[in-house]
Amino acid sequence: MASGQLSRAEALACPGCRHACHVMLYCDTETQLFGNLPIRHIILMQMRFDGLLGFPGGFVDLAESLEAGLNRELSEELGVALSIQEEDHLDSCYGPASSASSPSLITHFYAKKMEEEQIRELERAAVTTATDYGQEVLGMVRVPLYTMEDGGGLAPFLSHSFVGNARSQLTASLLRLHLVAPEELRDALARALQIRARAADGLPAQAQAKRKPL
């Protein structure tokens, strides 16, 4: 088992640990971007209140099962009732503790395949009925799995900032569920690093640039 990875049973047996559950909701699609670029799959993520990308979900209360806590969070964040089951569970791993005195955090990740119309209805509900919309959740985001001729698509998306281990959860799931070819993902990750490096190089010059008079 990979470093930091736990079985579900090991995770639940951890004394004093906090648990957080998140899920990747996805579907297949025949839709094409601009009529000629296959989108292939729709994967939902969120723009969070802190400006970071993440998956729907959150902390599980002590009296809840993992799935009950996850489904409660999804109802609040997405505005619809979903039924994530134990069989949708992909992995569990240790996460960073919030402070030296806090209990260890274990994150649990799930994936649920849906029908495309269910995904579209979920997106509509997320901005109309979800109690957390505009507060903890600023909006739903689709992951672009394609690569355009100018390099747009997956690589720039992966160059953004993600919360916790959301980026690694995404990339691992893309491979595990055969949503992206390994070589395609490897190239996208390499380009994402280049994009982040160029952005970092540009920050000092922007910070030092004199503002033009109005």
C-alpha atoms as a PDB file:
ATOM      1  CA  MET A   1       0.000   0.000   0.000  1.00  0.00           C
ATOM      2  CA  ALA A   2       1.294   3.457  -0.935  1.00  0.00           C
ATOM      3  CA  SER A   3       2.818   5.652   1.747  1.00  0.00           C
ATOM      4  CA  GLY A   4       0.106   7.313   3.817  1.00  0.00           C
ATOM      5  CA  GLN A   5      -2.581   5.026   2.411  1.00  0.00           C
ATOM      6  CA  LEU A   6      -4.926   3.153   4.716  1.00  0.00           C
ATOM      7  CA  SER A   7      -7.547   0.504   4.254  1.00  0.00           C
ATOM      8  CA  ARG A   8     -11.059   1.578   5.161  1.00  0.00           C
ATOM      9  CA  ALA A   9     -10.977  -0.672   8.230  1.00  0.00           C
ATOM     10  CA  GLU A  10      -7.625   0.755   9.373  1.00  0.00           C
ATOM     11  CA  ALA A  11      -8.924   4.292   8.935  1.00  0.00           C
ATOM     12  CA  LEU A  12     -12.073   3.686  10.956  1.00  0.00           C
ATOM     13  CA  ALA A  13     -10.044   2.028  13.726  1.00  0.00           C
ATOM     14  CA  CYS A  14      -7.786   5.086  14.149  1.00  0.00           C
ATOM     15  CA  PRO A  15      -8.339   6.451  17.674  1.00  0.00           C
ATOM     16  CA  GLY A  16      -9.004  10.169  17.951  1.00  0.00           C
ATOM     17  CA  CYS A  17      -8.821  10.799  14.208  1.00  0.00           C
ATOM     18  CA  ARG A  18     -11.022  13.225  12.334  1.00  0.00           C
ATOM     19  CA  HIS A  19     -12.469  12.115   9.019  1.00  0.00           C
ATOM     20  CA  ALA A  20     -13.230  14.095   5.869  1.00  0.00           C
ATOM     21  CA  CYS A  21     -14.947  12.628   2.816  1.00  0.00           C
ATOM     22  CA  HIS A  22     -15.019  13.967  -0.738  1.00  0.00           C
ATOM     23  CA  VAL A  23     -16.350  12.585  -3.998  1.00  0.00           C
ATOM     24  CA  MET A  24     -15.649  12.886  -7.704  1.00  0.00           C
ATOM     25  CA  LEU A  25     -18.938  12.945  -9.622  1.00  0.00           C
ATOM     26  CA  TYR A  26     -18.539  12.203 -13.314  1.00  0.00           C
ATOM     27  CA  CYS A  27     -20.225  10.962 -16.472  1.00  0.00           C
ATOM     28  CA  ASP A  28     -19.499  10.141 -20.096  1.00  0.00           C
ATOM     29  CA  THR A  29     -20.544  12.597 -22.792  1.00  0.00           C
ATOM     30  CA  GLU A  30     -20.704  12.716 -26.578  1.00  0.00           C
ATOM     31  CA  THR A  31     -20.551  16.519 -26.548  1.00  0.00           C
ATOM     32  CA  GLN A  32     -17.787  18.178 -28.545  1.00  0.00           C
ATOM     33  CA  LEU A  33     -16.125  21.509 -27.856  1.00  0.00           C
ATOM     34  CA  PHE A  34     -16.631  23.858 -30.834  1.00  0.00           C
ATOM     35  CA  GLY A  35     -18.171  20.910 -32.641  1.00  0.00           C
ATOM     36  CA  ASN A  36     -14.906  19.059 -33.268  1.00  0.00           C
ATOM     37  CA  LEU A  37     -13.039  18.426 -30.000  1.00  0.00           C
ATOM     38  CA  PRO A  38     -14.421  15.508 -27.945  1.00  0.00           C
ATOM     39  CA  ILE A  39     -15.002  16.412 -24.291  1.00  0.00           C
ATOM     40  CA  ARG A  40     -15.290  12.677 -23.457  1.00  0.00           C
ATOM     41  CA  HIS A  41     -16.165  12.957 -19.773  1.00  0.00           C
ATOM     42  CA  ILE A  42     -17.649  15.529 -17.411  1.00  0.00           C
ATOM     43  CA  ILE A  43     -15.963  15.693 -14.007  1.00  0.00           C
ATOM     44  CA  LEU A  44     -17.223  18.096 -11.374  1.00  0.00           C
ATOM     45  CA  MET A  45     -15.090  20.053  -8.946  1.00  0.00           C
ATOM     46  CA  GLN A  46     -15.719  23.231  -6.956  1.00  0.00           C
ATOM     47  CA  MET A  47     -14.273  26.680  -6.632  1.00  0.00           C
ATOM     48  CA  ARG A  48     -14.126  27.017  -2.857  1.00  0.00           C
ATOM     49  CA  PHE A  49     -14.519  30.040  -0.614  1.00  0.00           C
ATOM     50  CA  ASP A  50     -10.719  30.244  -0.240  1.00  0.00           C
ATOM     51  CA  GLY A  51     -10.100  30.405  -3.984  1.00  0.00           C
ATOM     52  CA  LEU A  52      -8.839  26.817  -4.186  1.00  0.00           C
ATOM     53  CA  LEU A  53     -10.222  23.998  -6.299  1.00  0.00           C
ATOM     54  CA  GLY A  54     -11.563  20.941  -4.515  1.00  0.00           C
ATOM     55  CA  PHE A  55     -14.119  18.161  -4.616  1.00  0.00           C
ATOM     56  CA  PRO A  56     -17.566  18.306  -2.978  1.00  0.00           C
ATOM     57  CA  GLY A  57     -17.640  17.001   0.578  1.00  0.00           C
ATOM     58  CA  GLY A  58     -16.363  17.875   4.018  1.00  0.00           C
ATOM     59  CA  PHE A  59     -15.863  16.776   7.601  1.00  0.00           C
ATOM     60  CA  VAL A  60     -17.803  13.876   9.091  1.00  0.00           C
ATOM     61  CA  ASP A  61     -19.440  14.379  12.487  1.00  0.00           C
ATOM     62  CA  LEU A  62     -18.605  11.918  15.268  1.00  0.00           C
ATOM     63  CA  ALA A  63     -22.094  10.397  15.292  1.00  0.00           C
ATOM     64  CA  GLU A  64     -22.151   9.851  11.508  1.00  0.00           C
ATOM     65  CA  SER A  65     -20.916   7.093   9.260  1.00  0.00           C
ATOM     66  CA  LEU A  66     -18.521   8.183   6.515  1.00  0.00           C
ATOM     67  CA  GLU A  67     -21.188   7.975   3.838  1.00  0.00           C
ATOM     68  CA  ALA A  68     -23.854   9.693   5.960  1.00  0.00           C
ATOM     69  CA  GLY A  69     -21.505  12.604   6.577  1.00  0.00           C
ATOM     70  CA  LEU A  70     -20.567  12.833   2.920  1.00  0.00           C
ATOM     71  CA  ASN A  71     -24.181  12.744   1.755  1.00  0.00           C
ATOM     72  CA  ARG A  72     -25.088  15.473   4.258  1.00  0.00           C
ATOM     73  CA  GLU A  73     -22.286  17.689   2.965  1.00  0.00           C
ATOM     74  CA  LEU A  74     -23.339  17.044  -0.631  1.00  0.00           C
ATOM     75  CA  SER A  75     -26.918  18.059   0.138  1.00  0.00           C
ATOM     76  CA  GLU A  76     -25.671  21.349   1.586  1.00  0.00           C
ATOM     77  CA  GLU A  77     -23.161  22.084  -1.174  1.00  0.00           C
ATOM     78  CA  LEU A  78     -25.038  20.768  -4.212  1.00  0.00           C
ATOM     79  CA  GLY A  79     -28.663  21.241  -3.273  1.00  0.00           C
ATOM     80  CA  VAL A  80     -29.676  17.690  -4.210  1.00  0.00           C
ATOM     81  CA  ALA A  81     -29.859  14.434  -2.300  1.00  0.00           C
ATOM     82  CA  LEU A  82     -27.288  11.903  -3.481  1.00  0.00           C
ATOM     83  CA  SER A  83     -26.664   8.408  -2.207  1.00  0.00           C
ATOM     84  CA  ILE A  84     -22.939   7.740  -2.045  1.00  0.00           C
ATOM     85  CA  GLN A  85     -22.392   4.177  -0.859  1.00  0.00           C
ATOM     86  CA  GLU A  86     -19.473   2.247   0.589  1.00  0.00           C
ATOM     87  CA  GLU A  87     -18.869   0.611  -2.800  1.00  0.00           C
ATOM     88  CA  ASP A  88     -18.104   4.080  -4.243  1.00  0.00           C
ATOM     89  CA  HIS A  89     -15.114   4.399  -1.882  1.00  0.00           C
ATOM     90  CA  LEU A  90     -11.730   4.540  -3.637  1.00  0.00           C
ATOM     91  CA  ASP A  91      -9.135   5.189  -0.956  1.00  0.00           C
ATOM     92  CA  SER A  92      -8.287   6.595   2.460  1.00  0.00           C
ATOM     93  CA  CYS A  93      -5.099   8.358   3.476  1.00  0.00           C
ATOM     94  CA  TYR A  94      -3.646  10.561   6.178  1.00  0.00           C
ATOM     95  CA  GLY A  95      -4.017  14.288   5.693  1.00  0.00           C
ATOM     96  CA  PRO A  96      -2.192  17.177   7.392  1.00  0.00           C
ATOM     97  CA  ALA A  97      -3.401  18.032  10.884  1.00  0.00           C
ATOM     98  CA  SER A  98      -4.649  21.592  11.290  1.00  0.00           C
ATOM     99  CA  SER A  99      -2.391  22.151  14.322  1.00  0.00           C
ATOM    100  CA  ALA A 100       0.062  20.320  16.536  1.00  0.00           C
ATOM    101  CA  SER A 101      -2.620  19.748  19.180  1.00  0.00           C
ATOM    102  CA  SER A 102      -5.375  18.597  16.806  1.00  0.00           C
ATOM    103  CA  PRO A 103      -6.117  14.927  16.085  1.00  0.00           C
ATOM    104  CA  SER A 104      -4.862  13.385  12.876  1.00  0.00           C
ATOM    105  CA  LEU A 105      -6.986  13.894   9.790  1.00  0.00           C
ATOM    106  CA  ILE A 106      -7.885  11.019   7.488  1.00  0.00           C
ATOM    107  CA  THR A 107      -9.315  11.851   4.083  1.00  0.00           C
ATOM    108  CA  HIS A 108     -11.595   9.441   2.250  1.00  0.00           C
ATOM    109  CA  PHE A 109     -12.175   9.708  -1.476  1.00  0.00           C
ATOM    110  CA  TYR A 110     -15.103   8.386  -3.473  1.00  0.00           C
ATOM    111  CA  ALA A 111     -16.079   8.342  -7.149  1.00  0.00           C
ATOM    112  CA  LYS A 112     -19.598   7.986  -8.509  1.00  0.00           C
ATOM    113  CA  LYS A 113     -20.505   7.681 -12.172  1.00  0.00           C
ATOM    114  CA  MET A 114     -23.786   9.308 -13.145  1.00  0.00           C
ATOM    115  CA  GLU A 115     -25.855   9.956 -16.246  1.00  0.00           C
ATOM    116  CA  GLU A 116     -25.138  13.185 -18.109  1.00  0.00           C
ATOM    117  CA  GLU A 117     -28.606  14.622 -17.414  1.00  0.00           C
ATOM    118  CA  GLN A 118     -28.105  13.917 -13.705  1.00  0.00           C
ATOM    119  CA  ILE A 119     -24.863  15.891 -13.807  1.00  0.00           C
ATOM    120  CA  ARG A 120     -26.574  18.787 -15.585  1.00  0.00           C
ATOM    121  CA  GLU A 121     -29.416  18.802 -13.061  1.00  0.00           C
ATOM    122  CA  LEU A 122     -26.893  18.779 -10.244  1.00  0.00           C
ATOM    123  CA  GLU A 123     -25.125  21.797 -11.758  1.00  0.00           C
ATOM    124  CA  ARG A 124     -28.441  23.661 -11.963  1.00  0.00           C
ATOM    125  CA  ALA A 125     -29.339  22.826  -8.383  1.00  0.00           C
ATOM    126  CA  ALA A 126     -25.908  23.870  -7.113  1.00  0.00           C
ATOM    127  CA  VAL A 127     -26.602  27.504  -8.045  1.00  0.00           C
ATOM    128  CA  THR A 128     -30.310  27.622  -7.233  1.00  0.00           C
ATOM    129  CA  THR A 129     -31.082  25.515  -4.148  1.00  0.00           C
ATOM    130  CA  ALA A 130     -27.767  24.685  -2.442  1.00  0.00           C
ATOM    131  CA  THR A 131     -27.547  26.379   0.957  1.00  0.00           C
ATOM    132  CA  ASP A 132     -23.767  26.776   0.695  1.00  0.00           C
ATOM    133  CA  TYR A 133     -23.750  28.444  -2.744  1.00  0.00           C
ATOM    134  CA  GLY A 134     -21.977  31.800  -2.627  1.00  0.00           C
ATOM    135  CA  GLN A 135     -20.577  31.035   0.816  1.00  0.00           C
ATOM    136  CA  GLU A 136     -18.497  27.886   1.236  1.00  0.00           C
ATOM    137  CA  VAL A 137     -18.903  27.068  -2.455  1.00  0.00           C
ATOM    138  CA  LEU A 138     -18.481  29.744  -5.133  1.00  0.00           C
ATOM    139  CA  GLY A 139     -19.455  27.547  -8.062  1.00  0.00           C
ATOM    140  CA  MET A 140     -19.129  24.205  -9.782  1.00  0.00           C
ATOM    141  CA  VAL A 141     -16.257  23.672 -12.225  1.00  0.00           C
ATOM    142  CA  ARG A 142     -15.841  21.082 -14.975  1.00  0.00           C
ATOM    143  CA  VAL A 143     -12.424  19.536 -15.495  1.00  0.00           C
ATOM    144  CA  PRO A 144     -11.299  19.907 -19.136  1.00  0.00           C
ATOM    145  CA  LEU A 145      -9.817  16.535 -20.095  1.00  0.00           C
ATOM    146  CA  TYR A 146      -8.937  17.536 -23.650  1.00  0.00           C
ATOM    147  CA  THR A 147      -5.844  19.248 -25.023  1.00  0.00           C
ATOM    148  CA  MET A 148      -6.278  22.011 -27.578  1.00  0.00           C
ATOM    149  CA  GLU A 149      -3.811  22.873 -30.326  1.00  0.00           C
ATOM    150  CA  ASP A 150      -2.582  25.895 -28.374  1.00  0.00           C
ATOM    151  CA  GLY A 151      -2.056  23.762 -25.256  1.00  0.00           C
ATOM    152  CA  GLY A 152      -5.265  24.818 -23.523  1.00  0.00           C
ATOM    153  CA  GLY A 153      -7.315  22.333 -21.561  1.00  0.00           C
ATOM    154  CA  LEU A 154      -6.070  19.877 -18.974  1.00  0.00           C
ATOM    155  CA  ALA A 155      -2.559  21.275 -18.477  1.00  0.00           C
ATOM    156  CA  PRO A 156      -3.621  24.829 -17.559  1.00  0.00           C
ATOM    157  CA  PHE A 157      -6.334  23.404 -15.309  1.00  0.00           C
ATOM    158  CA  LEU A 158      -3.800  21.302 -13.408  1.00  0.00           C
ATOM    159  CA  SER A 159      -1.602  24.397 -12.965  1.00  0.00           C
ATOM    160  CA  HIS A 160      -4.239  25.996 -10.715  1.00  0.00           C
ATOM    161  CA  SER A 161      -4.159  25.811  -6.926  1.00  0.00           C
ATOM    162  CA  PHE A 162      -5.961  22.881  -5.285  1.00  0.00           C
ATOM    163  CA  VAL A 163      -6.856  22.314  -1.649  1.00  0.00           C
ATOM    164  CA  GLY A 164      -5.107  19.542   0.283  1.00  0.00           C
ATOM    165  CA  ASN A 165      -4.588  16.444  -1.829  1.00  0.00           C
ATOM    166  CA  ALA A 166      -7.379  17.227  -4.333  1.00  0.00           C
ATOM    167  CA  ARG A 167      -4.965  17.440  -7.282  1.00  0.00           C
ATOM    168  CA  SER A 168      -3.452  14.018  -6.550  1.00  0.00           C
ATOM    169  CA  GLN A 169      -6.944  12.588  -5.967  1.00  0.00           C
ATOM    170  CA  LEU A 170      -7.965  13.890  -9.373  1.00  0.00           C
ATOM    171  CA  THR A 171      -4.941  12.627 -11.283  1.00  0.00           C
ATOM    172  CA  ALA A 172      -4.983   9.223  -9.587  1.00  0.00           C
ATOM    173  CA  SER A 173      -8.678   8.819 -10.379  1.00  0.00           C
ATOM    174  CA  LEU A 174      -8.180   9.806 -14.004  1.00  0.00           C
ATOM    175  CA  LEU A 175      -5.803   6.879 -14.368  1.00  0.00           C
ATOM    176  CA  ARG A 176      -7.672   4.452 -12.146  1.00  0.00           C
ATOM    177  CA  LEU A 177     -10.961   4.980 -13.990  1.00  0.00           C
ATOM    178  CA  HIS A 178      -9.280   5.090 -17.423  1.00  0.00           C
ATOM    179  CA  LEU A 179     -10.570   8.576 -18.180  1.00  0.00           C
ATOM    180  CA  VAL A 180      -7.229   9.819 -19.532  1.00  0.00           C
ATOM    181  CA  ALA A 181      -4.365   7.884 -21.099  1.00  0.00           C
ATOM    182  CA  PRO A 182      -1.216   7.740 -18.897  1.00  0.00           C
ATOM    183  CA  GLU A 183       0.985   9.472 -21.470  1.00  0.00           C
ATOM    184  CA  GLU A 184      -1.600  12.219 -21.949  1.00  0.00           C
ATOM    185  CA  LEU A 185      -1.759  12.868 -18.225  1.00  0.00           C
ATOM    186  CA  ARG A 186       2.036  12.772 -17.902  1.00  0.00           C
ATOM    187  CA  ASP A 187       2.390  15.418 -20.620  1.00  0.00           C
ATOM    188  CA  ALA A 188      -0.328  17.583 -19.057  1.00  0.00           C
ATOM    189  CA  LEU A 189       1.355  17.469 -15.648  1.00  0.00           C
ATOM    190  CA  ALA A 190       4.711  18.412 -17.158  1.00  0.00           C
ATOM    191  CA  ARG A 191       3.168  21.379 -18.973  1.00  0.00           C
ATOM    192  CA  ALA A 192       1.317  22.393 -15.819  1.00  0.00           C
ATOM    193  CA  LEU A 193       4.626  22.668 -13.983  1.00  0.00           C
ATOM    194  CA  GLN A 194       5.986  24.850 -16.784  1.00  0.00           C
ATOM    195  CA  ILE A 195       2.931  27.099 -16.603  1.00  0.00           C
ATOM    196  CA  ARG A 196       3.308  27.500 -12.838  1.00  0.00           C
ATOM    197  CA  ALA A 197       7.021  28.255 -13.223  1.00  0.00           C
ATOM    198  CA  ARG A 198       6.338  30.960 -15.823  1.00  0.00           C
ATOM    199  CA  ALA A 199       3.663  32.471 -13.613  1.00  0.00           C
ATOM    200  CA  ALA A 200       6.038  32.539 -10.636  1.00  0.00           C
ATOM    201  CA  ASP A 201       8.755  34.189 -12.731  1.00  0.00           C
ATOM    202  CA  GLY A 202       6.329  36.910 -13.745  1.00  0.00           C
ATOM    203  CA  LEU A 203       5.181  37.826 -10.238  1.00  0.00           C
ATOM    204  CA  PRO A 204       8.176  39.981  -9.131  1.00  0.00           C
ATOM    205  CA  ALA A 205       8.041  42.116 -12.270  1.00  0.00           C
ATOM    206  CA  GLN A 206       4.317  42.652 -11.847  1.00  0.00           C
ATOM    207  CA  ALA A 207       4.729  43.531  -8.194  1.00  0.00           C
ATOM    208  CA  GLN A 208       7.443  46.082  -8.960  1.00  0.00           C
ATOM    209  CA  ALA A 209       5.738  47.632 -11.961  1.00  0.00           C
ATOM    210  CA  LYS A 210       4.799  51.275 -11.411  1.00  0.00           C
ATOM    211  CA  ARG A 211       1.144  52.067 -11.700  1.00  0.00           C
ATOM    212  CA  LYS A 212       0.297  54.354 -14.569  1.00  0.00           C
ATOM    213  CA  PRO A 213      -1.307  57.656 -13.603  1.00  0.00           C
ATOM    214  CA  LEU A 214      -5.057  57.829 -14.111  1.00  0.00           C
END
